[in-house]
Amino acid sequence: MILDMPHIFTHRVATHDDIDTIVSIMRASIAENMKDFLSAEEIAAAQESMGLDMSLIEDGTYFIIETEKEGETVAVACGGWGKRRTLYGGDHTKGRDDSMSDPATEPARIRAMYTHPDWTRRGIGTLLLDLGENAAREAGFKTIELGSTVPGYPLYLARGYVEFERVVEKAENGADNTIIKMRKAL
């Protein structure tokens, strides 16, 4: 009997060369990881406020999580933090504010966390949170906020984030898109 050896996860800052990989992880994560929490219509609605945000890559605040599998390096997750005022969403999301936050008076943001469905429940979300929180702290931020989906809520709650607002928007397909705004002191 061959035992499945535990994987060692490493991280690096994402670059423009990673865009196809990031989009692939996002699509797989949205398609599979939300099924236990949301209907197909609600998943489609959530996609209106999810996706690639190039400012995170350009700011150097977005990470790729990798591991070795069968002798190859594979990307298994992505996520990061933001120093801009936009709380959530991709480049296409309405209502963005890409101006910089003031670390002395405003929060940093945990942003765009996605784990490939083949790699869930292995501590990768916690690793991404640690990376983002530590980097935001080093940049002088005192608090951090995020816009959680319903599936992400249990992780963030377990990691000390506190809900301060729940926004339910009607998506173009008529389904509800719930964003749970949460914060934590650094």
Protein backbone atom coordinates (compact mmCIF):
# COMPACT_ATOMS: atom_id res chain seq x y z
CA MET A 1 0.00 0.00 0.00
CA ILE A 2 1.40 3.40 -1.00
CA LEU A 3 0.49 6.25 1.31
CA ASP A 4 -0.26 9.67 -0.11
CA MET A 5 2.58 11.83 1.13
CA PRO A 6 1.64 15.25 2.47
CA HIS A 7 2.37 18.06 0.07
CA ILE A 8 4.60 21.00 0.82
CA PHE A 9 3.08 24.25 -0.39
CA THR A 10 5.20 27.18 -1.48
CA HIS A 11 4.21 30.65 -2.57
CA ARG A 12 5.43 33.35 -4.87
CA VAL A 13 4.17 36.69 -6.10
CA ALA A 14 2.02 36.35 -9.22
CA THR A 15 3.14 37.92 -12.49
CA HIS A 16 1.46 38.68 -15.80
CA ASP A 17 2.73 35.28 -17.01
CA ASP A 18 0.39 33.65 -14.45
CA ILE A 19 -2.84 35.16 -15.75
CA ASP A 20 -4.03 32.04 -17.63
CA THR A 21 -3.26 29.87 -14.59
CA ILE A 22 -5.07 32.27 -12.24
CA VAL A 23 -8.15 32.37 -14.46
CA SER A 24 -8.15 28.57 -14.68
CA ILE A 25 -7.97 28.19 -10.89
CA MET A 26 -10.72 30.80 -10.43
CA ARG A 27 -13.05 29.08 -12.88
CA ALA A 28 -12.54 25.64 -11.36
CA SER A 29 -12.95 26.98 -7.83
CA ILE A 30 -16.14 28.89 -8.63
CA ALA A 31 -17.63 25.95 -10.55
CA GLU A 32 -16.95 23.29 -7.91
CA ASN A 33 -16.25 24.79 -4.48
CA MET A 34 -19.51 26.72 -4.25
CA LYS A 35 -21.86 23.84 -5.11
CA ASP A 36 -22.42 22.78 -1.50
CA PHE A 37 -23.48 26.31 -0.55
CA LEU A 38 -25.20 27.92 -3.54
CA SER A 39 -27.58 27.00 -6.33
CA ALA A 40 -26.40 27.12 -9.94
CA GLU A 41 -28.22 30.43 -10.34
CA GLU A 42 -26.55 31.88 -7.23
CA ILE A 43 -23.13 30.73 -8.45
CA ALA A 44 -23.75 32.52 -11.75
CA ALA A 45 -24.84 35.60 -9.80
CA ALA A 46 -21.69 35.51 -7.66
CA GLN A 47 -19.57 35.59 -10.79
CA GLU A 48 -20.69 39.18 -11.38
CA SER A 49 -18.54 40.20 -8.39
CA MET A 50 -15.68 37.72 -8.81
CA GLY A 51 -12.73 37.45 -11.13
CA LEU A 52 -9.31 38.64 -12.14
CA ASP A 53 -8.19 42.01 -10.74
CA MET A 54 -5.07 43.15 -12.58
CA SER A 55 -4.28 45.80 -9.97
CA LEU A 56 -3.38 43.05 -7.50
CA ILE A 57 -0.84 41.61 -9.93
CA GLU A 58 0.50 45.04 -10.83
CA ASP A 59 0.83 45.97 -7.13
CA GLY A 60 2.70 42.73 -6.34
CA THR A 61 0.13 41.77 -3.71
CA TYR A 62 -1.22 38.59 -5.30
CA PHE A 63 0.20 35.15 -4.61
CA ILE A 64 0.32 31.81 -6.37
CA ILE A 65 0.43 28.72 -4.15
CA GLU A 66 2.29 25.78 -5.68
CA THR A 67 3.28 22.23 -4.84
CA GLU A 68 5.04 19.32 -6.51
CA LYS A 69 2.89 16.58 -8.02
CA GLU A 70 4.41 13.70 -9.96
CA GLY A 71 7.64 15.64 -10.41
CA GLU A 72 5.94 18.76 -11.78
CA THR A 73 5.31 22.10 -10.10
CA VAL A 74 1.57 22.79 -10.12
CA ALA A 75 -0.36 25.89 -9.10
CA VAL A 76 -3.11 24.94 -6.65
CA ALA A 77 -4.44 28.29 -5.40
CA CYS A 78 -4.21 32.04 -5.71
CA GLY A 79 -5.13 34.97 -3.54
CA GLY A 80 -3.72 38.00 -1.88
CA TRP A 81 -4.27 41.37 -0.37
CA GLY A 82 -4.98 44.82 -1.67
CA LYS A 83 -3.87 48.28 -0.65
CA ARG A 84 -6.55 49.90 -2.77
CA ARG A 85 -10.06 50.80 -1.62
CA THR A 86 -11.79 48.18 -3.80
CA LEU A 87 -13.09 45.51 -1.41
CA TYR A 88 -13.89 42.75 -3.90
CA GLY A 89 -14.40 41.95 -7.53
CA GLY A 90 -12.60 41.63 -10.80
CA ASP A 91 -11.70 44.20 -13.39
CA HIS A 92 -15.27 43.98 -14.71
CA THR A 93 -17.01 44.60 -11.35
CA LYS A 94 -19.07 47.78 -11.11
CA GLY A 95 -18.35 50.34 -8.38
CA ARG A 96 -14.59 49.83 -8.06
CA ASP A 97 -12.42 52.40 -6.30
CA ASP A 98 -8.81 51.73 -7.24
CA SER A 99 -7.40 54.66 -5.28
CA MET A 100 -4.86 53.75 -2.60
CA SER A 101 -5.92 53.26 1.01
CA ASP A 102 -4.17 55.19 3.78
CA PRO A 103 -2.65 52.57 6.14
CA ALA A 104 -2.96 54.97 9.09
CA THR A 105 -6.73 55.34 8.80
CA GLU A 106 -8.07 52.76 6.35
CA PRO A 107 -8.01 48.95 6.11
CA ALA A 108 -6.09 46.73 3.75
CA ARG A 109 -8.16 44.13 1.89
CA ILE A 110 -7.95 40.36 1.57
CA ARG A 111 -8.74 39.74 -2.08
CA ALA A 112 -9.63 37.10 -4.64
CA MET A 113 -8.87 33.85 -2.82
CA TYR A 114 -9.43 30.71 -4.88
CA THR A 115 -8.32 27.13 -4.32
CA HIS A 116 -8.50 24.52 -7.07
CA PRO A 117 -11.14 21.93 -6.04
CA ASP A 118 -8.56 19.11 -6.09
CA TRP A 119 -6.63 20.88 -3.31
CA THR A 120 -9.25 22.04 -0.79
CA ARG A 121 -9.20 21.25 2.95
CA ARG A 122 -5.39 21.28 3.16
CA GLY A 123 -4.77 24.60 4.91
CA ILE A 124 -4.19 26.59 1.73
CA GLY A 125 -6.83 29.22 2.57
CA THR A 126 -5.16 29.76 5.93
CA LEU A 127 -1.78 30.05 4.23
CA LEU A 128 -3.14 32.71 1.87
CA LEU A 129 -4.70 34.63 4.77
CA ASP A 130 -1.41 34.53 6.69
CA LEU A 131 0.50 35.80 3.66
CA GLY A 132 -1.93 38.67 3.05
CA GLU A 133 -2.29 39.66 6.69
CA ASN A 134 1.47 39.63 7.30
CA ALA A 135 2.19 41.68 4.17
CA ALA A 136 -0.53 44.23 5.06
CA ARG A 137 0.83 44.49 8.59
CA GLU A 138 4.36 45.05 7.23
CA ALA A 139 2.94 47.79 4.97
CA GLY A 140 1.64 49.60 8.06
CA PHE A 141 -2.04 48.65 8.00
CA LYS A 142 -3.78 48.21 11.37
CA THR A 143 -6.95 46.55 10.11
CA ILE A 144 -7.94 44.37 7.20
CA GLU A 145 -11.31 43.77 5.54
CA LEU A 146 -12.74 41.38 2.99
CA GLY A 147 -15.89 40.70 1.04
CA SER A 148 -16.73 37.05 1.60
CA THR A 149 -18.93 34.76 -0.41
CA VAL A 150 -21.22 32.45 1.54
CA PRO A 151 -18.81 29.48 1.01
CA GLY A 152 -15.82 31.48 2.31
CA TYR A 153 -17.58 32.73 5.44
CA PRO A 154 -16.75 29.77 7.76
CA LEU A 155 -13.00 30.07 7.08
CA TYR A 156 -12.91 33.80 7.70
CA LEU A 157 -15.02 33.50 10.84
CA ALA A 158 -12.68 30.80 12.18
CA ARG A 159 -9.71 33.08 11.45
CA GLY A 160 -11.07 35.92 13.61
CA TYR A 161 -12.86 38.05 11.04
CA VAL A 162 -16.08 39.69 12.25
CA GLU A 163 -19.04 40.41 10.01
CA PHE A 164 -20.03 44.08 9.90
CA GLU A 165 -22.40 44.14 6.92
CA ARG A 166 -24.22 41.75 4.62
CA VAL A 167 -25.11 43.02 1.17
CA VAL A 168 -27.51 41.13 -1.07
CA GLU A 169 -27.64 42.35 -4.65
CA LYS A 170 -29.85 41.10 -7.45
CA ALA A 171 -27.75 39.76 -10.28
CA GLU A 172 -28.63 40.08 -13.95
CA ASN A 173 -30.14 36.57 -13.83
CA GLY A 174 -32.43 37.59 -10.95
CA ALA A 175 -30.64 35.49 -8.32
CA ASP A 176 -29.24 36.91 -5.10
CA ASN A 177 -25.53 37.63 -4.84
CA THR A 178 -24.56 37.82 -1.17
CA ILE A 179 -21.37 39.60 -0.09
CA ILE A 180 -20.48 39.38 3.59
CA LYS A 181 -18.25 42.27 4.63
CA MET A 182 -15.87 41.28 7.42
CA ARG A 183 -12.92 42.87 9.23
CA LYS A 184 -10.12 42.02 11.62
CA ALA A 185 -7.55 43.95 13.58
CA LEU A 186 -3.97 43.27 12.56
